[in-house]
């Protein structure tokens, strides 16, 4: 273990030649929870590419919930990517493990973005856990576009849980995040699922995806129209503060939230007045359709 932590390749090579040395032997460590780790975990976390390469040849197995890939992903220096590449090029990590690393508590956004192409490459329709892949795609920050091809595959599986909570997202679902990131393509793909809970609530503000659209830095009209065109969307839902989406738009949306937090005016680039108008027009259309349906009922 000590040789692996120090990254001493020569020492590690010598130890592996000694009788009775078992590279698979694990010990419990306290950081990142009480994890069972073998020598390769320590080498991966210490950033020793050479020792990792050596131990890959001698280590037979490791736990799925905390693999050497998980350990390497917790590093925060320039050697991290080299260790990740060495591990991934071994071909010993499937899409499920990669997805698990991407959604880990101690993994930053750079790691998740780096791992996404490997996740696409490792994807297998028969063996990959589609729920894990869904969580990994929506755990990315920034644009969701790099994950769209994977999203299309996992949504084709009716067993994929589209309403699951995304890790580290304050209780948001995939639809909340698609709306928040302004990805109309991801939102429309999710909305094709009949089992999607369009009015699910996140855990902080008790906001539905339509509320979230009002709290985005820049409301995306294409995303908004996708929600408004879906008959399942509750246009007049109230969040934990009793506000409807129109209320949020009229009150300044994200700008008002930031202004309250910092007790100062906050500039907002979106046209929330027209956004509120779109929602109100949709409400009027629904009410008119409901009235017409009522009139056509036989007496």
Protein backbone atom coordinates (compact mmCIF):
# COMPACT_ATOMS: atom_id res chain seq x y z
CA UNK A 1 0.00 0.00 0.00
CA UNK A 2 2.76 2.44 0.97
CA UNK A 3 4.60 1.85 -2.29
CA UNK A 4 1.45 2.53 -4.26
CA UNK A 5 0.70 5.71 -2.37
CA UNK A 6 4.21 7.02 -2.96
CA UNK A 7 4.08 6.10 -6.64
CA UNK A 8 7.33 4.14 -6.35
CA UNK A 9 7.28 1.89 -9.44
CA UNK A 10 10.53 0.08 -8.65
CA UNK A 11 9.47 -0.72 -5.10
CA UNK A 12 6.07 -1.92 -6.28
CA UNK A 13 7.67 -4.19 -8.90
CA UNK A 14 9.93 -5.68 -6.22
CA UNK A 15 7.08 -6.24 -3.78
CA UNK A 16 4.96 -7.98 -6.38
CA UNK A 17 7.74 -10.52 -6.88
CA UNK A 18 7.79 -11.47 -3.21
CA UNK A 19 6.02 -14.60 -2.10
CA UNK A 20 2.74 -14.00 -0.31
CA UNK A 21 2.20 -10.47 -1.58
CA UNK A 22 -1.44 -10.09 -2.63
CA UNK A 23 -2.28 -6.96 -4.67
CA UNK A 24 -5.99 -7.73 -4.22
CA UNK A 25 -5.76 -7.39 -0.44
CA UNK A 26 -7.97 -4.54 0.73
CA UNK A 27 -7.89 -2.23 3.71
CA UNK A 28 -10.47 0.19 5.05
CA UNK A 29 -9.73 3.89 4.70
CA UNK A 30 -11.60 6.77 6.27
CA UNK A 31 -11.59 9.45 3.57
CA UNK A 32 -14.62 9.56 1.26
CA UNK A 33 -16.41 7.28 3.70
CA UNK A 34 -15.16 3.97 5.00
CA UNK A 35 -14.09 2.50 1.67
CA UNK A 36 -12.42 -0.85 1.08
CA UNK A 37 -9.42 -0.17 -1.12
CA UNK A 38 -6.69 -2.32 -2.66
CA UNK A 39 -3.23 -1.13 -3.73
CA UNK A 40 -4.50 0.00 -7.14
CA UNK A 41 -7.01 2.34 -5.50
CA UNK A 42 -4.20 4.05 -3.59
CA UNK A 43 -2.07 4.30 -6.72
CA UNK A 44 -4.97 5.77 -8.71
CA UNK A 45 -5.74 8.33 -6.01
CA UNK A 46 -2.07 9.29 -5.64
CA UNK A 47 -1.79 9.94 -9.38
CA UNK A 48 0.91 7.38 -10.14
CA UNK A 49 0.27 6.36 -13.76
CA UNK A 50 3.17 3.86 -13.89
CA UNK A 51 2.13 2.04 -10.73
CA UNK A 52 -1.50 1.95 -11.89
CA UNK A 53 -0.38 0.35 -15.17
CA UNK A 54 1.64 -2.24 -13.27
CA UNK A 55 -1.14 -3.10 -10.83
CA UNK A 56 -3.71 -3.43 -13.62
CA UNK A 57 -1.75 -6.49 -14.72
CA UNK A 58 -1.83 -8.05 -11.24
CA UNK A 59 -5.14 -6.98 -9.68
CA UNK A 60 -7.95 -9.39 -10.48
CA UNK A 61 -11.03 -7.62 -9.14
CA UNK A 62 -12.42 -4.71 -7.14
CA UNK A 63 -15.79 -3.57 -5.83
CA UNK A 64 -18.18 -2.03 -8.34
CA UNK A 65 -19.31 0.75 -6.01
CA UNK A 66 -15.76 2.04 -5.41
CA UNK A 67 -13.42 1.12 -8.22
CA UNK A 68 -9.95 2.50 -9.00
CA UNK A 69 -11.72 4.74 -11.51
CA UNK A 70 -13.72 6.28 -8.66
CA UNK A 71 -10.52 6.80 -6.68
CA UNK A 72 -8.71 8.45 -9.60
CA UNK A 73 -11.62 10.81 -10.26
CA UNK A 74 -11.24 12.36 -6.80
CA UNK A 75 -7.83 13.85 -7.64
CA UNK A 76 -7.65 17.55 -8.38
CA UNK A 77 -4.40 17.97 -10.30
CA UNK A 78 -3.13 17.53 -13.85
CA UNK A 79 -2.18 13.86 -13.32
CA UNK A 80 -5.84 12.93 -12.88
CA UNK A 81 -6.64 12.77 -16.58
CA UNK A 82 -3.57 10.62 -17.29
CA UNK A 83 -4.57 8.10 -14.62
CA UNK A 84 -8.17 8.07 -15.84
CA UNK A 85 -6.99 7.44 -19.40
CA UNK A 86 -4.70 4.58 -18.30
CA UNK A 87 -7.54 2.92 -16.41
CA UNK A 88 -10.12 3.38 -19.18
CA UNK A 89 -7.77 2.14 -21.90
CA UNK A 90 -7.46 -1.15 -20.00
CA UNK A 91 -11.03 -1.96 -21.07
CA UNK A 92 -11.92 -3.15 -17.57
CA UNK A 93 -14.58 -0.54 -16.82
CA UNK A 94 -18.04 -0.81 -18.33
CA UNK A 95 -20.59 1.92 -18.92
CA UNK A 96 -22.27 1.29 -15.56
CA UNK A 97 -19.05 1.98 -13.65
CA UNK A 98 -18.28 5.07 -15.72
CA UNK A 99 -21.81 6.41 -15.14
CA UNK A 100 -21.43 5.76 -11.42
CA UNK A 101 -18.20 7.78 -11.34
CA UNK A 102 -19.82 10.66 -13.24
CA UNK A 103 -22.54 11.01 -10.60
CA UNK A 104 -20.28 10.59 -7.57
CA UNK A 105 -20.35 13.05 -4.69
CA UNK A 106 -16.64 13.88 -4.98
CA UNK A 107 -16.39 14.31 -8.75
CA UNK A 108 -16.19 17.72 -10.37
CA UNK A 109 -17.70 18.77 -13.67
CA UNK A 110 -14.44 18.49 -15.61
CA UNK A 111 -14.23 14.77 -14.81
CA UNK A 112 -17.83 14.16 -15.84
CA UNK A 113 -17.26 15.93 -19.16
CA UNK A 114 -14.05 13.97 -19.76
CA UNK A 115 -15.79 10.67 -19.07
CA UNK A 116 -18.81 11.28 -21.31
CA UNK A 117 -17.13 10.12 -24.58
CA UNK A 118 -15.95 6.97 -22.78
CA UNK A 119 -19.50 6.39 -21.57
CA UNK A 120 -20.77 6.63 -25.16
CA UNK A 121 -18.04 4.25 -26.33
CA UNK A 122 -18.76 1.70 -23.59
CA UNK A 123 -22.54 1.78 -23.93
CA UNK A 124 -24.11 -1.62 -24.54
CA UNK A 125 -27.86 -1.83 -25.06
CA UNK A 126 -28.17 -5.22 -23.34
CA UNK A 127 -25.93 -4.74 -20.30
CA UNK A 128 -25.90 -1.00 -19.59
CA UNK A 129 -28.09 0.31 -16.78
CA UNK A 130 -30.16 2.94 -18.58
CA UNK A 131 -31.17 4.62 -15.34
CA UNK A 132 -27.51 5.13 -14.46
CA UNK A 133 -26.80 6.62 -17.90
CA UNK A 134 -29.77 8.99 -17.59
CA UNK A 135 -28.42 10.23 -14.25
CA UNK A 136 -24.95 10.66 -15.73
CA UNK A 137 -26.14 12.68 -18.74
CA UNK A 138 -28.13 15.09 -16.61
CA UNK A 139 -25.38 15.35 -13.99
CA UNK A 140 -23.30 17.21 -16.59
CA UNK A 141 -23.12 20.98 -16.30
CA UNK A 142 -23.43 23.35 -19.22
CA UNK A 143 -24.90 22.16 -22.49
CA UNK A 144 -26.70 18.82 -22.64
CA UNK A 145 -26.05 18.47 -26.37
CA UNK A 146 -23.01 16.13 -26.01
CA UNK A 147 -25.27 13.64 -24.22
CA UNK A 148 -28.25 13.77 -26.59
CA UNK A 149 -27.31 10.62 -28.53
CA UNK A 150 -27.10 8.63 -25.29
CA UNK A 151 -30.32 10.16 -24.04
CA UNK A 152 -32.13 9.01 -27.17
CA UNK A 153 -30.98 5.44 -26.56
CA UNK A 154 -31.97 5.25 -22.90
CA UNK A 155 -35.35 6.89 -23.44
CA UNK A 156 -36.18 4.24 -26.03
CA UNK A 157 -36.22 1.75 -23.15
CA UNK A 158 -39.66 1.93 -21.47
CA UNK A 159 -38.10 0.67 -18.23
CA UNK A 160 -35.94 3.78 -17.88
CA UNK A 161 -37.23 5.82 -14.94
CA UNK A 162 -37.63 9.32 -16.40
CA UNK A 163 -38.91 10.67 -13.07
CA UNK A 164 -35.92 9.72 -10.93
CA UNK A 165 -34.11 12.39 -8.94
CA UNK A 166 -30.80 13.45 -10.49
CA UNK A 167 -27.89 13.27 -8.00
CA UNK A 168 -26.63 16.54 -6.52
CA UNK A 169 -29.51 18.48 -8.10
CA UNK A 170 -31.65 19.50 -5.10
CA UNK A 171 -34.37 17.04 -6.01
CA UNK A 172 -34.66 17.96 -9.66
CA UNK A 173 -35.72 15.50 -12.35
CA UNK A 174 -34.29 15.27 -15.85
CA UNK A 175 -37.05 17.56 -17.15
CA UNK A 176 -36.21 20.26 -14.60
CA UNK A 177 -32.58 20.18 -15.73
CA UNK A 178 -33.40 20.13 -19.45
CA UNK A 179 -35.55 23.22 -18.92
CA UNK A 180 -32.96 24.91 -16.73
CA UNK A 181 -30.21 24.34 -19.31
CA UNK A 182 -32.40 25.58 -22.16
CA UNK A 183 -32.24 22.28 -24.07
CA UNK A 184 -35.42 22.13 -26.14
CA UNK A 185 -34.25 18.90 -27.77
CA UNK A 186 -33.79 17.11 -24.45
CA UNK A 187 -37.08 18.51 -23.12
CA UNK A 188 -39.05 17.37 -26.17
CA UNK A 189 -37.45 13.91 -26.03
CA UNK A 190 -38.49 13.56 -22.39
CA UNK A 191 -41.99 14.84 -23.12
CA UNK A 192 -42.56 11.99 -25.59
CA UNK A 193 -42.63 9.61 -22.65
CA UNK A 194 -46.22 8.95 -21.48
CA UNK A 195 -44.95 8.06 -17.99
CA UNK A 196 -43.17 11.41 -17.51
CA UNK A 197 -44.38 13.39 -14.50
CA UNK A 198 -44.46 16.80 -16.18
CA UNK A 199 -45.38 18.60 -12.95
CA UNK A 200 -42.85 16.98 -10.61
CA UNK A 201 -41.50 19.23 -7.86
CA UNK A 202 -37.90 19.87 -6.87
CA UNK A 203 -37.06 19.93 -3.17
CA UNK A 204 -35.96 23.55 -2.57
CA UNK A 205 -38.66 25.81 -4.00
CA UNK A 206 -41.22 23.07 -4.76
CA UNK A 207 -41.05 24.28 -8.35
CA UNK A 208 -42.41 22.40 -11.35
CA UNK A 209 -40.42 22.42 -14.61
CA UNK A 210 -42.60 25.32 -15.79
CA UNK A 211 -41.64 27.31 -12.68
CA UNK A 212 -38.03 26.39 -13.40
CA UNK A 213 -38.36 27.85 -16.88
CA UNK A 214 -39.14 31.19 -15.24
CA UNK A 215 -36.12 30.87 -12.96
CA UNK A 216 -33.63 30.13 -15.73
CA UNK A 217 -30.96 32.75 -16.36
CA UNK A 218 -32.38 33.18 -19.88
CA UNK A 219 -35.83 31.67 -20.53
CA UNK A 220 -35.73 29.63 -23.73
CA UNK A 221 -38.87 30.14 -25.80
CA UNK A 222 -38.50 26.77 -27.55
CA UNK A 223 -38.35 25.00 -24.19
CA UNK A 224 -41.30 27.01 -22.92
CA UNK A 225 -43.38 26.17 -25.99
CA UNK A 226 -42.57 22.47 -25.56
CA UNK A 227 -44.02 22.61 -22.04
CA UNK A 228 -47.02 24.70 -23.06
CA UNK A 229 -47.89 22.37 -25.94
CA UNK A 230 -48.08 19.39 -23.58
CA UNK A 231 -51.60 19.02 -22.16
CA UNK A 232 -50.18 17.47 -19.00
CA UNK A 233 -48.41 20.68 -17.94
CA UNK A 234 -50.18 22.41 -15.06
CA UNK A 235 -50.06 26.03 -16.21
CA UNK A 236 -51.33 27.41 -12.92
CA UNK A 237 -49.42 25.25 -10.43
CA UNK A 238 -48.18 27.02 -7.31
CA UNK A 239 -44.72 26.54 -5.86
CA UNK A 240 -43.81 26.45 -2.18
CA UNK A 241 -44.20 30.24 -1.98
CA UNK A 242 -47.68 30.09 -3.54
CA UNK A 243 -46.53 31.54 -6.86
CA UNK A 244 -47.67 30.45 -10.31
CA UNK A 245 -45.30 30.52 -13.30
CA UNK A 246 -47.02 33.71 -14.49
CA UNK A 247 -46.45 35.27 -11.04
CA UNK A 248 -42.74 34.50 -11.31
CA UNK A 249 -42.57 36.02 -14.78
CA UNK A 250 -44.46 39.14 -13.73
CA UNK A 251 -42.28 39.53 -10.63
CA UNK A 252 -39.02 39.31 -12.53
CA UNK A 253 -38.25 35.58 -12.28
CA UNK A 254 -34.62 34.83 -11.49
CA UNK A 255 -33.80 38.51 -11.28
CA UNK A 256 -36.16 38.96 -8.34
CA UNK A 257 -34.70 35.94 -6.55
CA UNK A 258 -31.15 37.22 -6.97
CA UNK A 259 -32.19 40.72 -5.99
CA UNK A 260 -33.74 39.43 -2.77
CA UNK A 261 -30.65 37.36 -1.99
CA UNK A 262 -28.23 40.26 -2.48
CA UNK A 263 -30.58 43.12 -1.51
CA UNK A 264 -29.72 44.90 -4.75
CA UNK A 265 -31.13 45.30 -8.26
CA UNK A 266 -30.20 42.45 -10.56
CA UNK A 267 -30.07 42.80 -14.33
CA UNK A 268 -31.94 40.17 -16.34
CA UNK A 269 -31.54 39.58 -20.07
CA UNK A 270 -34.75 37.66 -20.82
CA UNK A 271 -38.09 39.13 -21.89
CA UNK A 272 -40.25 37.84 -19.06
CA UNK A 273 -43.21 40.04 -20.02
CA UNK A 274 -43.61 38.20 -23.31
CA UNK A 275 -42.97 34.90 -21.49
CA UNK A 276 -45.86 35.60 -19.13
CA UNK A 277 -47.99 36.43 -22.17
CA UNK A 278 -47.26 33.06 -23.74
CA UNK A 279 -48.40 31.24 -20.61
CA UNK A 280 -51.53 33.36 -20.23
CA UNK A 281 -52.43 32.75 -23.89
CA UNK A 282 -52.03 29.00 -23.34
CA UNK A 283 -54.30 29.19 -20.29
CA UNK A 284 -56.94 31.04 -22.32
CA UNK A 285 -56.76 28.42 -25.09
CA UNK A 286 -57.21 25.61 -22.61
CA UNK A 287 -60.12 27.31 -20.92
CA UNK A 288 -61.78 27.96 -24.29
CA UNK A 289 -61.27 24.32 -25.34
CA UNK A 290 -62.73 23.13 -22.03
CA UNK A 291 -65.76 25.42 -22.42
CA UNK A 292 -66.35 24.21 -25.97
CA UNK A 293 -66.15 20.61 -24.84
CA UNK A 294 -68.63 21.32 -22.07
CA UNK A 295 -71.05 22.93 -24.52
CA UNK A 296 -70.95 19.91 -26.80
CA UNK A 297 -71.99 17.53 -24.04
CA UNK A 298 -75.49 16.17 -24.57
CA UNK A 299 -78.12 17.58 -22.24
